[in-house]
PDB file of N, CA and C in Angstrom:
ATOM      1  N   UNK A   1       0.691  -1.205  -0.101  1.00  0.00           N
ATOM      2  CA  UNK A   1      -0.014  -0.113   0.006  1.00  0.00           C
ATOM      3  C   UNK A   1       0.750   1.249   0.120  1.00  0.00           C
ATOM      4  N   UNK A   2       2.205   1.131  -0.152  1.00  0.00           N
ATOM      5  CA  UNK A   2       2.974   2.432  -0.197  1.00  0.00           C
ATOM      6  C   UNK A   2       3.053   2.788  -1.734  1.00  0.00           C
ATOM      7  N   UNK A   3       3.263   4.107  -1.877  1.00  0.00           N
ATOM      8  CA  UNK A   3       3.340   4.523  -3.132  1.00  0.00           C
ATOM      9  C   UNK A   3       2.988   5.887  -3.117  1.00  0.00           C
ATOM     10  N   UNK A   4       3.354   6.546  -4.259  1.00  0.00           N
ATOM     11  CA  UNK A   4       2.961   7.992  -4.348  1.00  0.00           C
ATOM     12  C   UNK A   4       1.519   8.109  -4.649  1.00  0.00           C
ATOM     13  N   UNK A   5       1.050   9.151  -3.650  1.00  0.00           N
ATOM     14  CA  UNK A   5      -0.453   9.506  -3.620  1.00  0.00           C
ATOM     15  C   UNK A   5      -1.147   8.562  -2.602  1.00  0.00           C
ATOM     16  N   UNK A   6      -0.749   7.604  -2.197  1.00  0.00           N
ATOM     17  CA  UNK A   6      -1.565   6.769  -1.151  1.00  0.00           C
ATOM     18  C   UNK A   6      -2.117   7.263   0.005  1.00  0.00           C
ATOM     19  N   UNK A   7      -1.422   8.273   0.470  1.00  0.00           N
ATOM     20  CA  UNK A   7      -1.800   9.016   1.827  1.00  0.00           C
ATOM     21  C   UNK A   7      -3.262   9.620   1.491  1.00  0.00           C
ATOM     22  N   UNK A   8      -3.149  10.160   0.311  1.00  0.00           N
ATOM     23  CA  UNK A   8      -4.628  10.847  -0.050  1.00  0.00           C
ATOM     24  C   UNK A   8      -5.918  10.013  -0.140  1.00  0.00           C
ATOM     25  N   UNK A   9      -5.714   8.560  -0.553  1.00  0.00           N
ATOM     26  CA  UNK A   9      -6.652   7.821  -0.616  1.00  0.00           C
ATOM     27  C   UNK A   9      -7.667   7.721   0.349  1.00  0.00           C
ATOM     28  N   UNK A  10      -7.434   7.832   1.537  1.00  0.00           N
ATOM     29  CA  UNK A  10      -8.157   7.676   2.760  1.00  0.00           C
ATOM     30  C   UNK A  10      -8.539   8.808   3.309  1.00  0.00           C
ATOM     31  N   UNK A  11      -8.307   9.954   2.916  1.00  0.00           N
ATOM     32  CA  UNK A  11      -8.647  11.462   3.526  1.00  0.00           C
ATOM     33  C   UNK A  11     -10.009  11.403   3.921  1.00  0.00           C
ATOM     34  N   UNK A  12     -10.959  10.909   3.106  1.00  0.00           N
ATOM     35  CA  UNK A  12     -12.467  11.094   3.480  1.00  0.00           C
ATOM     36  C   UNK A  12     -12.740  10.320   4.699  1.00  0.00           C
ATOM     37  N   UNK A  13     -12.187   9.160   4.824  1.00  0.00           N
ATOM     38  CA  UNK A  13     -12.648   8.297   6.098  1.00  0.00           C
ATOM     39  C   UNK A  13     -11.985   8.567   7.143  1.00  0.00           C
ATOM     40  N   UNK A  14     -10.641   9.263   6.973  1.00  0.00           N
ATOM     41  CA  UNK A  14     -10.011   9.777   8.117  1.00  0.00           C
ATOM     42  C   UNK A  14     -10.649  10.916   8.784  1.00  0.00           C
ATOM     43  N   UNK A  15     -11.187  11.953   7.921  1.00  0.00           N
ATOM     44  CA  UNK A  15     -12.053  12.822   8.313  1.00  0.00           C
ATOM     45  C   UNK A  15     -13.314  12.553   8.773  1.00  0.00           C
ATOM     46  N   UNK A  16     -14.130  11.609   8.353  1.00  0.00           N
ATOM     47  CA  UNK A  16     -15.266  11.150   9.046  1.00  0.00           C
ATOM     48  C   UNK A  16     -15.000  10.579  10.485  1.00  0.00           C
ATOM     49  N   UNK A  17     -14.024   9.849  10.670  1.00  0.00           N
ATOM     50  CA  UNK A  17     -13.752   9.253  11.872  1.00  0.00           C
ATOM     51  C   UNK A  17     -13.469  10.385  12.885  1.00  0.00           C
ATOM     52  N   UNK A  18     -12.350  11.314  12.555  1.00  0.00           N
ATOM     53  CA  UNK A  18     -12.027  12.467  13.204  1.00  0.00           C
ATOM     54  C   UNK A  18     -13.396  13.331  13.828  1.00  0.00           C
ATOM     55  N   UNK A  19     -14.114  13.557  12.806  1.00  0.00           N
ATOM     56  CA  UNK A  19     -15.368  14.407  13.105  1.00  0.00           C
ATOM     57  C   UNK A  19     -16.269  13.688  13.846  1.00  0.00           C
ATOM     58  N   UNK A  20     -16.466  12.459  13.691  1.00  0.00           N
ATOM     59  CA  UNK A  20     -17.341  11.470  14.588  1.00  0.00           C
ATOM     60  C   UNK A  20     -16.737  11.542  15.973  1.00  0.00           C
ATOM     61  N   UNK A  21     -15.559  11.488  16.309  1.00  0.00           N
ATOM     62  CA  UNK A  21     -14.908  11.282  17.466  1.00  0.00           C
ATOM     63  C   UNK A  21     -14.861  12.718  18.281  1.00  0.00           C
ATOM     64  N   UNK A  22     -14.555  13.900  17.662  1.00  0.00           N
ATOM     65  CA  UNK A  22     -14.356  14.925  18.296  1.00  0.00           C
ATOM     66  C   UNK A  22     -15.859  15.630  18.487  1.00  0.00           C
ATOM     67  N   UNK A  23     -16.783  15.504  17.241  1.00  0.00           N
ATOM     68  CA  UNK A  23     -18.160  16.190  17.576  1.00  0.00           C
ATOM     69  C   UNK A  23     -19.136  15.408  18.215  1.00  0.00           C
ATOM     70  N   UNK A  24     -19.024  14.008  18.602  1.00  0.00           N
ATOM     71  CA  UNK A  24     -19.935  13.274  19.081  1.00  0.00           C
ATOM     72  C   UNK A  24     -19.513  12.367  20.318  1.00  0.00           C
ATOM     73  N   UNK A  25     -18.422  11.499  20.084  1.00  0.00           N
ATOM     74  CA  UNK A  25     -18.057  10.597  21.100  1.00  0.00           C
ATOM     75  C   UNK A  25     -17.240  11.178  22.195  1.00  0.00           C
ATOM     76  N   UNK A  26     -16.588  12.080  22.166  1.00  0.00           N
ATOM     77  CA  UNK A  26     -15.969  12.748  23.128  1.00  0.00           C
ATOM     78  C   UNK A  26     -16.719  13.712  23.948  1.00  0.00           C
ATOM     79  N   UNK A  27     -17.734  14.235  23.378  1.00  0.00           N
ATOM     80  CA  UNK A  27     -18.871  15.041  23.896  1.00  0.00           C
ATOM     81  C   UNK A  27     -19.805  14.241  24.735  1.00  0.00           C
ATOM     82  N   UNK A  28     -20.159  13.075  24.370  1.00  0.00           N
ATOM     83  CA  UNK A  28     -21.242  12.283  25.006  1.00  0.00           C
ATOM     84  C   UNK A  28     -20.772  10.924  25.228  1.00  0.00           C
ATOM     85  N   UNK A  29     -20.025  10.855  26.380  1.00  0.00           N
ATOM     86  CA  UNK A  29     -19.526   9.649  26.669  1.00  0.00           C
ATOM     87  C   UNK A  29     -20.604   8.599  27.082  1.00  0.00           C
ATOM     88  N   UNK A  30     -20.323   7.300  26.746  1.00  0.00           N
ATOM     89  CA  UNK A  30     -21.324   6.303  26.959  1.00  0.00           C
ATOM     90  C   UNK A  30     -20.806   5.338  28.151  1.00  0.00           C
ATOM     91  N   UNK A  31     -21.812   4.713  28.700  1.00  0.00           N
ATOM     92  CA  UNK A  31     -21.574   3.689  30.020  1.00  0.00           C
ATOM     93  C   UNK A  31     -20.983   2.519  29.454  1.00  0.00           C
ATOM     94  N   UNK A  32     -21.484   2.041  28.313  1.00  0.00           N
ATOM     95  CA  UNK A  32     -21.052   0.756  27.799  1.00  0.00           C
ATOM     96  C   UNK A  32     -20.801   0.691  26.372  1.00  0.00           C
ATOM     97  N   UNK A  33     -20.308  -0.433  25.893  1.00  0.00           N
ATOM     98  CA  UNK A  33     -20.054  -0.509  24.339  1.00  0.00           C
ATOM     99  C   UNK A  33     -21.337  -0.661  23.746  1.00  0.00           C
ATOM    100  N   UNK A  34     -22.638  -1.307  24.183  1.00  0.00           N
ATOM    101  CA  UNK A  34     -23.867  -1.349  23.549  1.00  0.00           C
ATOM    102  C   UNK A  34     -24.438   0.167  23.420  1.00  0.00           C
ATOM    103  N   UNK A  35     -24.157   0.924  24.299  1.00  0.00           N
ATOM    104  CA  UNK A  35     -24.931   2.153  24.455  1.00  0.00           C
ATOM    105  C   UNK A  35     -24.053   2.952  23.370  1.00  0.00           C
ATOM    106  N   UNK A  36     -22.854   2.811  23.384  1.00  0.00           N
ATOM    107  CA  UNK A  36     -21.927   3.706  22.253  1.00  0.00           C
ATOM    108  C   UNK A  36     -22.375   3.212  21.149  1.00  0.00           C
ATOM    109  N   UNK A  37     -22.377   1.930  20.617  1.00  0.00           N
ATOM    110  CA  UNK A  37     -22.965   1.249  19.433  1.00  0.00           C
ATOM    111  C   UNK A  37     -24.150   1.977  18.932  1.00  0.00           C
ATOM    112  N   UNK A  38     -25.152   2.143  19.829  1.00  0.00           N
ATOM    113  CA  UNK A  38     -26.366   2.623  19.414  1.00  0.00           C
ATOM    114  C   UNK A  38     -26.320   4.035  19.036  1.00  0.00           C
ATOM    115  N   UNK A  39     -25.612   4.777  19.906  1.00  0.00           N
ATOM    116  CA  UNK A  39     -25.613   6.145  19.843  1.00  0.00           C
ATOM    117  C   UNK A  39     -24.773   6.639  18.634  1.00  0.00           C
ATOM    118  N   UNK A  40     -23.683   5.749  18.380  1.00  0.00           N
ATOM    119  CA  UNK A  40     -22.991   6.331  17.050  1.00  0.00           C
ATOM    120  C   UNK A  40     -23.773   5.924  15.840  1.00  0.00           C
ATOM    121  N   UNK A  41     -24.514   4.763  15.750  1.00  0.00           N
ATOM    122  CA  UNK A  41     -25.505   4.405  14.677  1.00  0.00           C
ATOM    123  C   UNK A  41     -26.347   5.352  14.474  1.00  0.00           C
ATOM    124  N   UNK A  42     -27.126   6.128  15.492  1.00  0.00           N
ATOM    125  CA  UNK A  42     -27.990   7.012  15.564  1.00  0.00           C
ATOM    126  C   UNK A  42     -27.473   8.439  14.860  1.00  0.00           C
ATOM    127  N   UNK A  43     -26.174   8.708  15.340  1.00  0.00           N
ATOM    128  CA  UNK A  43     -25.546  10.048  14.970  1.00  0.00           C
ATOM    129  C   UNK A  43     -25.172   9.790  13.413  1.00  0.00           C
ATOM    130  N   UNK A  44     -24.599   8.771  12.891  1.00  0.00           N
ATOM    131  CA  UNK A  44     -24.465   8.404  11.353  1.00  0.00           C
ATOM    132  C   UNK A  44     -25.584   8.718  10.760  1.00  0.00           C
ATOM    133  N   UNK A  45     -26.788   7.986  11.140  1.00  0.00           N
ATOM    134  CA  UNK A  45     -27.948   8.092  10.021  1.00  0.00           C
ATOM    135  C   UNK A  45     -28.436   9.629  10.161  1.00  0.00           C
ATOM    136  N   UNK A  46     -28.346  10.329  11.468  1.00  0.00           N
ATOM    137  CA  UNK A  46     -28.848  11.686  11.485  1.00  0.00           C
ATOM    138  C   UNK A  46     -27.850  12.421  10.501  1.00  0.00           C
ATOM    139  N   UNK A  47     -26.640  12.307  10.527  1.00  0.00           N
ATOM    140  CA  UNK A  47     -25.647  13.128   9.580  1.00  0.00           C
ATOM    141  C   UNK A  47     -26.219  12.895   8.180  1.00  0.00           C
ATOM    142  N   UNK A  48     -26.558  11.689   7.852  1.00  0.00           N
ATOM    143  CA  UNK A  48     -26.742  11.228   6.404  1.00  0.00           C
ATOM    144  C   UNK A  48     -28.121  11.692   5.845  1.00  0.00           C
ATOM    145  N   UNK A  49     -28.931  11.914   6.903  1.00  0.00           N
ATOM    146  CA  UNK A  49     -30.220  12.462   6.666  1.00  0.00           C
ATOM    147  C   UNK A  49     -30.221  13.956   6.608  1.00  0.00           C
ATOM    148  N   UNK A  50     -29.372  14.639   7.222  1.00  0.00           N
ATOM    149  CA  UNK A  50     -29.447  16.149   7.491  1.00  0.00           C
ATOM    150  C   UNK A  50     -29.190  16.616   6.149  1.00  0.00           C
ATOM    151  N   UNK A  51     -29.934  17.970   5.921  1.00  0.00           N
ATOM    152  CA  UNK A  51     -29.766  18.820   4.582  1.00  0.00           C
ATOM    153  C   UNK A  51     -28.530  19.620   5.005  1.00  0.00           C
ATOM    154  N   UNK A  52     -27.608  19.499   4.081  1.00  0.00           N
ATOM    155  CA  UNK A  52     -26.362  20.283   4.210  1.00  0.00           C
ATOM    156  C   UNK A  52     -26.747  21.802   3.781  1.00  0.00           C
ATOM    157  N   UNK A  53     -26.028  22.687   4.537  1.00  0.00           N
ATOM    158  CA  UNK A  53     -26.550  24.322   4.263  1.00  0.00           C
ATOM    159  C   UNK A  53     -25.997  24.733   2.972  1.00  0.00           C
ATOM    160  N   UNK A  54     -25.058  24.264   2.412  1.00  0.00           N
ATOM    161  CA  UNK A  54     -24.523  24.823   1.232  1.00  0.00           C
ATOM    162  C   UNK A  54     -24.979  24.198   0.100  1.00  0.00           C
ATOM    163  N   UNK A  55     -25.268  23.027   0.041  1.00  0.00           N
ATOM    164  CA  UNK A  55     -25.776  22.357  -1.300  1.00  0.00           C
ATOM    165  C   UNK A  55     -27.410  22.097  -1.185  1.00  0.00           C
ATOM    166  N   UNK A  56     -27.833  22.309  -0.089  1.00  0.00           N
ATOM    167  CA  UNK A  56     -29.413  22.139   0.344  1.00  0.00           C
ATOM    168  C   UNK A  56     -29.788  20.671  -0.347  1.00  0.00           C
ATOM    169  N   UNK A  57     -28.951  19.672   0.042  1.00  0.00           N
ATOM    170  CA  UNK A  57     -29.092  18.390  -0.179  1.00  0.00           C
ATOM    171  C   UNK A  57     -28.842  17.619   0.825  1.00  0.00           C
ATOM    172  N   UNK A  58     -29.174  16.338   0.952  1.00  0.00           N
ATOM    173  CA  UNK A  58     -28.711  15.340   1.868  1.00  0.00           C
ATOM    174  C   UNK A  58     -27.540  14.681   1.399  1.00  0.00           C
ATOM    175  N   UNK A  59     -26.623  14.208   2.077  1.00  0.00           N
ATOM    176  CA  UNK A  59     -25.406  13.444   1.492  1.00  0.00           C
ATOM    177  C   UNK A  59     -25.649  12.270   0.643  1.00  0.00           C
ATOM    178  N   UNK A  60     -26.939  11.463   1.080  1.00  0.00           N
ATOM    179  CA  UNK A  60     -27.258  10.449   0.287  1.00  0.00           C
ATOM    180  C   UNK A  60     -27.830  10.892  -1.200  1.00  0.00           C
ATOM    181  N   UNK A  61     -28.633  11.962  -1.121  1.00  0.00           N
ATOM    182  CA  UNK A  61     -28.999  12.383  -2.619  1.00  0.00           C
ATOM    183  C   UNK A  61     -27.898  12.886  -3.416  1.00  0.00           C
ATOM    184  N   UNK A  62     -27.115  13.608  -2.730  1.00  0.00           N
ATOM    185  CA  UNK A  62     -25.956  13.921  -3.589  1.00  0.00           C
ATOM    186  C   UNK A  62     -25.189  12.941  -4.043  1.00  0.00           C
ATOM    187  N   UNK A  63     -24.890  11.866  -3.275  1.00  0.00           N
ATOM    188  CA  UNK A  63     -24.061  10.618  -3.804  1.00  0.00           C
ATOM    189  C   UNK A  63     -24.996  10.099  -4.744  1.00  0.00           C
ATOM    190  N   UNK A  64     -26.068   9.910  -4.641  1.00  0.00           N
ATOM    191  CA  UNK A  64     -26.921   9.211  -5.796  1.00  0.00           C
ATOM    192  C   UNK A  64     -26.722   9.997  -7.058  1.00  0.00           C
ATOM    193  N   UNK A  65     -26.968  11.464  -6.966  1.00  0.00           N
ATOM    194  CA  UNK A  65     -26.857  12.045  -8.144  1.00  0.00           C
ATOM    195  C   UNK A  65     -25.440  11.854  -9.002  1.00  0.00           C
ATOM    196  N   UNK A  66     -24.287  11.941  -8.173  1.00  0.00           N
ATOM    197  CA  UNK A  66     -22.862  11.773  -8.720  1.00  0.00           C
ATOM    198  C   UNK A  66     -22.901  10.459  -9.215  1.00  0.00           C
ATOM    199  N   UNK A  67     -23.350   9.438  -8.867  1.00  0.00           N
ATOM    200  CA  UNK A  67     -23.453   7.984  -9.361  1.00  0.00           C
ATOM    201  C   UNK A  67     -24.292   8.017 -10.696  1.00  0.00           C
ATOM    202  N   UNK A  68     -25.281   8.792 -10.766  1.00  0.00           N
ATOM    203  CA  UNK A  68     -26.144   8.676 -12.227  1.00  0.00           C
ATOM    204  C   UNK A  68     -25.390   9.597 -13.006  1.00  0.00           C
ATOM    205  N   UNK A  69     -24.750  10.678 -12.759  1.00  0.00           N
ATOM    206  CA  UNK A  69     -23.904  11.406 -13.527  1.00  0.00           C
ATOM    207  C   UNK A  69     -22.606  10.658 -14.270  1.00  0.00           C
ATOM    208  N   UNK A  70     -22.025   9.734 -13.301  1.00  0.00           N
ATOM    209  CA  UNK A  70     -20.821   8.914 -13.637  1.00  0.00           C
ATOM    210  C   UNK A  70     -21.299   7.811 -14.595  1.00  0.00           C
ATOM    211  N   UNK A  71     -22.593   7.164 -14.676  1.00  0.00           N
ATOM    212  CA  UNK A  71     -22.949   6.219 -15.369  1.00  0.00           C
ATOM    213  C   UNK A  71     -23.429   6.623 -16.844  1.00  0.00           C
TER     214      UNK A  71
END
C-alpha cells in the first residue's frame, strides 16, 4: 500500500472518524459498548439524513446524483 499518492486515498474516511470522535463521542461519553454502538449508529444516520446548508441536499441524495452522472 505504499506509493505516491496513497496518503490521500483515505482522506475522506479519516476525516469522517475524526469528526465523529470530536463532535460526538468525546462530548457524549457512553456507559458501555452497547450504548456507544447505538448512539454512534443514530448519529451517523442523522448526519446522512441532514440537509447540508451549502448544497441544500442530503449526502445520500448528492451521492446518488453523482453516481447517475458517472454512469
